[in-house]
Amino acid sequence: MIPAVEILRQVWGQQFYAPVQGKVKWRTPKDMPPSTIAIHSPYNVEAYYSSKRSVNWVGYKAHVTEICDEDTPHFITHVQTG
């Protein structure tokens, strides 16, 4: 488990930089790390930014397999997270 202070240090390093001693500035979007490796939540370092159609979120994706026969109830038969 990563100590909380180390997580916060990494998040600050991803969001800010100090080009001049004593002056801290926000990073521009092009200077930020790729979404696949950036920490998006200090509470859960494995949660990542995702986007699908017009929905954006920080968290996980889940793939669900469901039985959808017309004459039977719909049942989830398999869930895979990734």
PDB file of N, CA and C in Angstrom:
ATOM      1  N   MET A   1       0.850  -1.185   0.000  1.00  0.00           N
ATOM      2  CA  MET A   1       0.000   0.000   0.000  1.00  0.00           C
ATOM      3  C   MET A   1       0.894   1.245   0.000  1.00  0.00           C
ATOM      4  N   ILE A   2       0.545   2.212  -0.839  1.00  0.00           N
ATOM      5  CA  ILE A   2       1.313   3.450  -0.945  1.00  0.00           C
ATOM      6  C   ILE A   2       0.905   4.386   0.194  1.00  0.00           C
ATOM      7  N   PRO A   3       1.878   4.948   0.929  1.00  0.00           N
ATOM      8  CA  PRO A   3       1.534   5.897   1.997  1.00  0.00           C
ATOM      9  C   PRO A   3       0.802   7.121   1.444  1.00  0.00           C
ATOM     10  N   ALA A   4      -0.113   7.657   2.236  1.00  0.00           N
ATOM     11  CA  ALA A   4      -0.938   8.796   1.806  1.00  0.00           C
ATOM     12  C   ALA A   4      -0.092   9.999   1.409  1.00  0.00           C
ATOM     13  N   VAL A   5       0.992  10.254   2.107  1.00  0.00           N
ATOM     14  CA  VAL A   5       1.843  11.402   1.781  1.00  0.00           C
ATOM     15  C   VAL A   5       2.456  11.228   0.390  1.00  0.00           C
ATOM     16  N   GLU A   6       2.852  10.006   0.035  1.00  0.00           N
ATOM     17  CA  GLU A   6       3.426   9.742  -1.287  1.00  0.00           C
ATOM     18  C   GLU A   6       2.378   9.936  -2.380  1.00  0.00           C
ATOM     19  N   ILE A   7       1.145   9.504  -2.134  1.00  0.00           N
ATOM     20  CA  ILE A   7       0.064   9.694  -3.107  1.00  0.00           C
ATOM     21  C   ILE A   7      -0.168  11.180  -3.342  1.00  0.00           C
ATOM     22  N   LEU A   8      -0.264  11.948  -2.275  1.00  0.00           N
ATOM     23  CA  LEU A   8      -0.477  13.392  -2.422  1.00  0.00           C
ATOM     24  C   LEU A   8       0.703  14.058  -3.125  1.00  0.00           C
ATOM     25  N   ARG A   9       1.927  13.614  -2.863  1.00  0.00           N
ATOM     26  CA  ARG A   9       3.108  14.156  -3.540  1.00  0.00           C
ATOM     27  C   ARG A   9       3.012  13.909  -5.048  1.00  0.00           C
ATOM     28  N   GLN A  10       2.577  12.701  -5.436  1.00  0.00           N
ATOM     29  CA  GLN A  10       2.429  12.366  -6.851  1.00  0.00           C
ATOM     30  C   GLN A  10       1.324  13.201  -7.505  1.00  0.00           C
ATOM     31  N   VAL A  11       0.200  13.364  -6.813  1.00  0.00           N
ATOM     32  CA  VAL A  11      -0.906  14.167  -7.354  1.00  0.00           C
ATOM     33  C   VAL A  11      -0.455  15.608  -7.554  1.00  0.00           C
ATOM     34  N   TRP A  12       0.229  16.186  -6.579  1.00  0.00           N
ATOM     35  CA  TRP A  12       0.727  17.561  -6.713  1.00  0.00           C
ATOM     36  C   TRP A  12       1.700  17.661  -7.879  1.00  0.00           C
ATOM     37  N   GLY A  13       2.571  16.668  -8.039  1.00  0.00           N
ATOM     38  CA  GLY A  13       3.523  16.676  -9.150  1.00  0.00           C
ATOM     39  C   GLY A  13       2.842  16.587 -10.500  1.00  0.00           C
ATOM     40  N   GLN A  14       1.701  15.908 -10.552  1.00  0.00           N
ATOM     41  CA  GLN A  14       0.954  15.797 -11.809  1.00  0.00           C
ATOM     42  C   GLN A  14       0.185  17.079 -12.134  1.00  0.00           C
ATOM     43  N   GLN A  15      -0.213  17.834 -11.121  1.00  0.00           N
ATOM     44  CA  GLN A  15      -1.061  19.005 -11.317  1.00  0.00           C
ATOM     45  C   GLN A  15      -0.292  20.329 -11.372  1.00  0.00           C
ATOM     46  N   PHE A  16       0.846  20.401 -10.695  1.00  0.00           N
ATOM     47  CA  PHE A  16       1.579  21.659 -10.555  1.00  0.00           C
ATOM     48  C   PHE A  16       3.048  21.489 -10.910  1.00  0.00           C
ATOM     49  N   TYR A  17       3.724  22.613 -11.173  1.00  0.00           N
ATOM     50  CA  TYR A  17       5.168  22.621 -11.346  1.00  0.00           C
ATOM     51  C   TYR A  17       5.706  23.964 -10.855  1.00  0.00           C
ATOM     52  N   ALA A  18       7.011  24.005 -10.622  1.00  0.00           N
ATOM     53  CA  ALA A  18       7.640  25.232 -10.118  1.00  0.00           C
ATOM     54  C   ALA A  18       8.782  25.630 -11.064  1.00  0.00           C
ATOM     55  N   PRO A  19       8.473  26.419 -12.115  1.00  0.00           N
ATOM     56  CA  PRO A  19       9.521  26.812 -13.062  1.00  0.00           C
ATOM     57  C   PRO A  19      10.547  27.753 -12.438  1.00  0.00           C
ATOM     58  N   VAL A  20      10.132  28.547 -11.473  1.00  0.00           N
ATOM     59  CA  VAL A  20      11.010  29.489 -10.779  1.00  0.00           C
ATOM     60  C   VAL A  20      10.911  29.178  -9.296  1.00  0.00           C
ATOM     61  N   GLN A  21      12.041  29.239  -8.612  1.00  0.00           N
ATOM     62  CA  GLN A  21      12.064  28.939  -7.180  1.00  0.00           C
ATOM     63  C   GLN A  21      10.999  29.753  -6.439  1.00  0.00           C
ATOM     64  N   GLY A  22      10.099  29.079  -5.724  1.00  0.00           N
ATOM     65  CA  GLY A  22       9.085  29.754  -4.928  1.00  0.00           C
ATOM     66  C   GLY A  22       7.796  30.071  -5.659  1.00  0.00           C
ATOM     67  N   LYS A  23       7.733  29.889  -6.973  1.00  0.00           N
ATOM     68  CA  LYS A  23       6.519  30.161  -7.754  1.00  0.00           C
ATOM     69  C   LYS A  23       5.945  28.831  -8.249  1.00  0.00           C
ATOM     70  N   VAL A  24       4.740  28.515  -7.825  1.00  0.00           N
ATOM     71  CA  VAL A  24       4.084  27.276  -8.231  1.00  0.00           C
ATOM     72  C   VAL A  24       2.996  27.621  -9.243  1.00  0.00           C
ATOM     73  N   LYS A  25       2.925  26.835 -10.336  1.00  0.00           N
ATOM     74  CA  LYS A  25       1.932  27.078 -11.386  1.00  0.00           C
ATOM     75  C   LYS A  25       1.204  25.788 -11.731  1.00  0.00           C
ATOM     76  N   TRP A  26      -0.044  25.946 -12.221  1.00  0.00           N
ATOM     77  CA  TRP A  26      -0.815  24.816 -12.731  1.00  0.00           C
ATOM     78  C   TRP A  26      -0.161  24.310 -14.008  1.00  0.00           C
ATOM     79  N   ARG A  27      -0.207  23.010 -14.225  1.00  0.00           N
ATOM     80  CA  ARG A  27       0.223  22.455 -15.509  1.00  0.00           C
ATOM     81  C   ARG A  27      -0.896  22.672 -16.525  1.00  0.00           C
ATOM     82  N   THR A  28      -0.545  22.878 -17.762  1.00  0.00           N
ATOM     83  CA  THR A  28      -1.551  22.955 -18.825  1.00  0.00           C
ATOM     84  C   THR A  28      -1.965  21.531 -19.178  1.00  0.00           C
ATOM     85  N   PRO A  29      -3.140  21.345 -19.784  1.00  0.00           N
ATOM     86  CA  PRO A  29      -3.570  19.978 -20.125  1.00  0.00           C
ATOM     87  C   PRO A  29      -2.542  19.212 -20.966  1.00  0.00           C
ATOM     88  N   LYS A  30      -1.839  19.895 -21.867  1.00  0.00           N
ATOM     89  CA  LYS A  30      -0.852  19.186 -22.699  1.00  0.00           C
ATOM     90  C   LYS A  30       0.378  18.754 -21.890  1.00  0.00           C
ATOM     91  N   ASP A  31       0.622  19.396 -20.741  1.00  0.00           N
ATOM     92  CA  ASP A  31       1.764  19.046 -19.890  1.00  0.00           C
ATOM     93  C   ASP A  31       1.434  17.997 -18.838  1.00  0.00           C
ATOM     94  N   MET A  32       0.179  17.612 -18.728  1.00  0.00           N
ATOM     95  CA  MET A  32      -0.231  16.638 -17.717  1.00  0.00           C
ATOM     96  C   MET A  32       0.070  15.222 -18.210  1.00  0.00           C
ATOM     97  N   PRO A  33       0.215  14.267 -17.285  1.00  0.00           N
ATOM     98  CA  PRO A  33       0.472  12.888 -17.701  1.00  0.00           C
ATOM     99  C   PRO A  33      -0.760  12.302 -18.396  1.00  0.00           C
ATOM    100  N   PRO A  34      -0.560  11.263 -19.209  1.00  0.00           N
ATOM    101  CA  PRO A  34      -1.705  10.628 -19.868  1.00  0.00           C
ATOM    102  C   PRO A  34      -2.728  10.130 -18.856  1.00  0.00           C
ATOM    103  N   SER A  35      -3.968  10.130 -19.245  1.00  0.00           N
ATOM    104  CA  SER A  35      -5.051   9.719 -18.356  1.00  0.00           C
ATOM    105  C   SER A  35      -4.868   8.298 -17.833  1.00  0.00           C
ATOM    106  N   THR A  36      -4.214   7.458 -18.608  1.00  0.00           N
ATOM    107  CA  THR A  36      -4.048   6.056 -18.209  1.00  0.00           C
ATOM    108  C   THR A  36      -3.099   5.874 -17.034  1.00  0.00           C
ATOM    109  N   ILE A  37      -2.217   6.868 -16.756  1.00  0.00           N
ATOM    110  CA  ILE A  37      -1.291   6.722 -15.637  1.00  0.00           C
ATOM    111  C   ILE A  37      -1.482   7.786 -14.560  1.00  0.00           C
ATOM    112  N   ALA A  38      -2.300   8.794 -14.829  1.00  0.00           N
ATOM    113  CA  ALA A  38      -2.520   9.860 -13.848  1.00  0.00           C
ATOM    114  C   ALA A  38      -3.359   9.354 -12.681  1.00  0.00           C
ATOM    115  N   ILE A  39      -3.092   9.895 -11.495  1.00  0.00           N
ATOM    116  CA  ILE A  39      -3.906   9.589 -10.322  1.00  0.00           C
ATOM    117  C   ILE A  39      -5.064  10.577 -10.320  1.00  0.00           C
ATOM    118  N   HIS A  40      -6.281  10.084 -10.373  1.00  0.00           N
ATOM    119  CA  HIS A  40      -7.461  10.944 -10.448  1.00  0.00           C
ATOM    120  C   HIS A  40      -8.192  11.064  -9.122  1.00  0.00           C
ATOM    121  N   SER A  41      -7.883  10.178  -8.192  1.00  0.00           N
ATOM    122  CA  SER A  41      -8.504  10.234  -6.885  1.00  0.00           C
ATOM    123  C   SER A  41      -7.493   9.799  -5.836  1.00  0.00           C
ATOM    124  N   PRO A  42      -7.140  10.670  -4.882  1.00  0.00           N
ATOM    125  CA  PRO A  42      -6.210  10.237  -3.840  1.00  0.00           C
ATOM    126  C   PRO A  42      -6.815   9.183  -2.918  1.00  0.00           C
ATOM    127  N   TYR A  43      -8.114   8.986  -2.979  1.00  0.00           N
ATOM    128  CA  TYR A  43      -8.779   7.986  -2.145  1.00  0.00           C
ATOM    129  C   TYR A  43      -8.697   6.587  -2.748  1.00  0.00           C
ATOM    130  N   ASN A  44      -8.577   6.518  -4.093  1.00  0.00           N
ATOM    131  CA  ASN A  44      -8.475   5.239  -4.781  1.00  0.00           C
ATOM    132  C   ASN A  44      -7.562   5.434  -5.985  1.00  0.00           C
ATOM    133  N   VAL A  45      -6.287   5.082  -5.845  1.00  0.00           N
ATOM    134  CA  VAL A  45      -5.311   5.337  -6.901  1.00  0.00           C
ATOM    135  C   VAL A  45      -5.514   4.456  -8.129  1.00  0.00           C
ATOM    136  N   GLU A  46      -6.358   3.444  -8.039  1.00  0.00           N
ATOM    137  CA  GLU A  46      -6.635   2.576  -9.185  1.00  0.00           C
ATOM    138  C   GLU A  46      -7.829   3.047 -10.008  1.00  0.00           C
ATOM    139  N   ALA A  47      -8.516   4.099  -9.573  1.00  0.00           N
ATOM    140  CA  ALA A  47      -9.654   4.639 -10.312  1.00  0.00           C
ATOM    141  C   ALA A  47      -9.133   5.590 -11.395  1.00  0.00           C
ATOM    142  N   TYR A  48      -9.601   5.428 -12.621  1.00  0.00           N
ATOM    143  CA  TYR A  48      -9.126   6.237 -13.731  1.00  0.00           C
ATOM    144  C   TYR A  48     -10.258   7.001 -14.401  1.00  0.00           C
ATOM    145  N   TYR A  49      -9.882   8.052 -15.098  1.00  0.00           N
ATOM    146  CA  TYR A  49     -10.833   8.854 -15.862  1.00  0.00           C
ATOM    147  C   TYR A  49     -11.278   8.050 -17.076  1.00  0.00           C
ATOM    148  N   SER A  50     -12.574   8.024 -17.317  1.00  0.00           N
ATOM    149  CA  SER A  50     -13.123   7.327 -18.478  1.00  0.00           C
ATOM    150  C   SER A  50     -14.174   8.200 -19.139  1.00  0.00           C
ATOM    151  N   SER A  51     -14.409   7.924 -20.402  1.00  0.00           N
ATOM    152  CA  SER A  51     -15.396   8.679 -21.171  1.00  0.00           C
ATOM    153  C   SER A  51     -16.042   7.741 -22.183  1.00  0.00           C
ATOM    154  N   LYS A  52     -17.353   7.804 -22.267  1.00  0.00           N
ATOM    155  CA  LYS A  52     -18.081   7.021 -23.262  1.00  0.00           C
ATOM    156  C   LYS A  52     -19.280   7.838 -23.714  1.00  0.00           C
ATOM    157  N   ARG A  53     -19.320   8.104 -25.002  1.00  0.00           N
ATOM    158  CA  ARG A  53     -20.332   8.986 -25.603  1.00  0.00           C
ATOM    159  C   ARG A  53     -20.291  10.332 -24.883  1.00  0.00           C
ATOM    160  N   SER A  54     -21.324  10.737 -24.209  1.00  0.00           N
ATOM    161  CA  SER A  54     -21.337  12.050 -23.546  1.00  0.00           C
ATOM    162  C   SER A  54     -21.189  11.927 -22.022  1.00  0.00           C
ATOM    163  N   VAL A  55     -20.789  10.749 -21.537  1.00  0.00           N
ATOM    164  CA  VAL A  55     -20.654  10.533 -20.100  1.00  0.00           C
ATOM    165  C   VAL A  55     -19.171  10.436 -19.737  1.00  0.00           C
ATOM    166  N   ASN A  56     -18.736  11.215 -18.743  1.00  0.00           N
ATOM    167  CA  ASN A  56     -17.367  11.178 -18.238  1.00  0.00           C
ATOM    168  C   ASN A  56     -17.413  10.818 -16.759  1.00  0.00           C
ATOM    169  N   TRP A  57     -16.435  10.009 -16.292  1.00  0.00           N
ATOM    170  CA  TRP A  57     -16.428   9.638 -14.884  1.00  0.00           C
ATOM    171  C   TRP A  57     -15.026   9.219 -14.456  1.00  0.00           C
ATOM    172  N   VAL A  58     -14.813   9.200 -13.143  1.00  0.00           N
ATOM    173  CA  VAL A  58     -13.599   8.650 -12.550  1.00  0.00           C
ATOM    174  C   VAL A  58     -14.027   7.408 -11.797  1.00  0.00           C
ATOM    175  N   GLY A  59     -13.456   6.293 -12.155  1.00  0.00           N
ATOM    176  CA  GLY A  59     -13.823   5.041 -11.503  1.00  0.00           C
ATOM    177  C   GLY A  59     -13.439   3.852 -12.353  1.00  0.00           C
ATOM    178  N   TYR A  60     -14.344   2.912 -12.488  1.00  0.00           N
ATOM    179  CA  TYR A  60     -14.085   1.665 -13.176  1.00  0.00           C
ATOM    180  C   TYR A  60     -15.089   1.457 -14.292  1.00  0.00           C
ATOM    181  N   LYS A  61     -14.749   0.554 -15.202  1.00  0.00           N
ATOM    182  CA  LYS A  61     -15.687   0.109 -16.224  1.00  0.00           C
ATOM    183  C   LYS A  61     -16.074  -1.324 -15.885  1.00  0.00           C
ATOM    184  N   ALA A  62     -17.303  -1.669 -16.172  1.00  0.00           N
ATOM    185  CA  ALA A  62     -17.759  -3.040 -15.952  1.00  0.00           C
ATOM    186  C   ALA A  62     -18.469  -3.527 -17.209  1.00  0.00           C
ATOM    187  N   HIS A  63     -18.181  -4.758 -17.593  1.00  0.00           N
ATOM    188  CA  HIS A  63     -18.845  -5.390 -18.726  1.00  0.00           C
ATOM    189  C   HIS A  63     -19.805  -6.423 -18.160  1.00  0.00           C
ATOM    190  N   VAL A  64     -21.060  -6.328 -18.548  1.00  0.00           N
ATOM    191  CA  VAL A  64     -22.106  -7.174 -17.979  1.00  0.00           C
ATOM    192  C   VAL A  64     -22.703  -8.048 -19.069  1.00  0.00           C
ATOM    193  N   THR A  65     -22.818  -9.348 -18.794  1.00  0.00           N
ATOM    194  CA  THR A  65     -23.492 -10.273 -19.692  1.00  0.00           C
ATOM    195  C   THR A  65     -24.852 -10.587 -19.077  1.00  0.00           C
ATOM    196  N   GLU A  66     -25.899 -10.487 -19.897  1.00  0.00           N
ATOM    197  CA  GLU A  66     -27.264 -10.609 -19.384  1.00  0.00           C
ATOM    198  C   GLU A  66     -28.084 -11.525 -20.289  1.00  0.00           C
ATOM    199  N   ILE A  67     -28.957 -12.323 -19.684  1.00  0.00           N
ATOM    200  CA  ILE A  67     -29.921 -13.122 -20.450  1.00  0.00           C
ATOM    201  C   ILE A  67     -31.112 -12.221 -20.744  1.00  0.00           C
ATOM    202  N   CYS A  68     -31.465 -12.080 -22.004  1.00  0.00           N
ATOM    203  CA  CYS A  68     -32.526 -11.140 -22.393  1.00  0.00           C
ATOM    204  C   CYS A  68     -33.620 -11.810 -23.226  1.00  0.00           C
ATOM    205  N   ASP A  69     -33.986 -13.033 -22.884  1.00  0.00           N
ATOM    206  CA  ASP A  69     -35.068 -13.693 -23.611  1.00  0.00           C
ATOM    207  C   ASP A  69     -36.379 -12.961 -23.350  1.00  0.00           C
ATOM    208  N   GLU A  70     -37.228 -12.899 -24.356  1.00  0.00           N
ATOM    209  CA  GLU A  70     -38.480 -12.146 -24.244  1.00  0.00           C
ATOM    210  C   GLU A  70     -39.412 -12.693 -23.176  1.00  0.00           C
ATOM    211  N   ASP A  71     -39.479 -13.994 -23.052  1.00  0.00           N
ATOM    212  CA  ASP A  71     -40.460 -14.602 -22.150  1.00  0.00           C
ATOM    213  C   ASP A  71     -39.886 -14.956 -20.770  1.00  0.00           C
ATOM    214  N   THR A  72     -38.680 -14.520 -20.457  1.00  0.00           N
ATOM    215  CA  THR A  72     -38.086 -14.818 -19.151  1.00  0.00           C
ATOM    216  C   THR A  72     -37.568 -13.528 -18.504  1.00  0.00           C
ATOM    217  N   PRO A  73     -37.374 -13.552 -17.199  1.00  0.00           N
ATOM    218  CA  PRO A  73     -36.777 -12.382 -16.535  1.00  0.00           C
ATOM    219  C   PRO A  73     -35.334 -12.169 -17.030  1.00  0.00           C
ATOM    220  N   HIS A  74     -34.888 -10.958 -16.987  1.00  0.00           N
ATOM    221  CA  HIS A  74     -33.518 -10.651 -17.388  1.00  0.00           C
ATOM    222  C   HIS A  74     -32.589 -10.923 -16.202  1.00  0.00           C
ATOM    223  N   PHE A  75     -31.565 -11.749 -16.415  1.00  0.00           N
ATOM    224  CA  PHE A  75     -30.607 -12.086 -15.369  1.00  0.00           C
ATOM    225  C   PHE A  75     -29.203 -11.714 -15.816  1.00  0.00           C
ATOM    226  N   ILE A  76     -28.430 -11.163 -14.886  1.00  0.00           N
ATOM    227  CA  ILE A  76     -27.011 -10.927 -15.161  1.00  0.00           C
ATOM    228  C   ILE A  76     -26.292 -12.237 -14.910  1.00  0.00           C
ATOM    229  N   THR A  77     -25.559 -12.705 -15.911  1.00  0.00           N
ATOM    230  CA  THR A  77     -24.891 -14.004 -15.798  1.00  0.00           C
ATOM    231  C   THR A  77     -23.397 -13.885 -15.594  1.00  0.00           C
ATOM    232  N   HIS A  78     -22.813 -12.688 -15.876  1.00  0.00           N
ATOM    233  CA  HIS A  78     -21.375 -12.527 -15.727  1.00  0.00           C
ATOM    234  C   HIS A  78     -21.049 -11.046 -15.628  1.00  0.00           C
ATOM    235  N   VAL A  79     -20.110 -10.686 -14.746  1.00  0.00           N
ATOM    236  CA  VAL A  79     -19.638  -9.295 -14.616  1.00  0.00           C
ATOM    237  C   VAL A  79     -18.118  -9.320 -14.652  1.00  0.00           C
ATOM    238  N   GLN A  80     -17.541  -8.472 -15.490  1.00  0.00           N
ATOM    239  CA  GLN A  80     -16.081  -8.354 -15.574  1.00  0.00           C
ATOM    240  C   GLN A  80     -15.705  -6.895 -15.436  1.00  0.00           C
ATOM    241  N   THR A  81     -14.821  -6.594 -14.511  1.00  0.00           N
ATOM    242  CA  THR A  81     -14.375  -5.207 -14.338  1.00  0.00           C
ATOM    243  C   THR A  81     -12.995  -5.072 -14.948  1.00  0.00           C
ATOM    244  N   GLY A  82     -12.698  -3.833 -15.331  1.00  0.00           N
ATOM    245  CA  GLY A  82     -11.374  -3.616 -15.898  1.00  0.00           C
ATOM    246  C   GLY A  82     -11.032  -2.168 -15.964  1.00  0.00           C
TER     247      GLY A  82
END
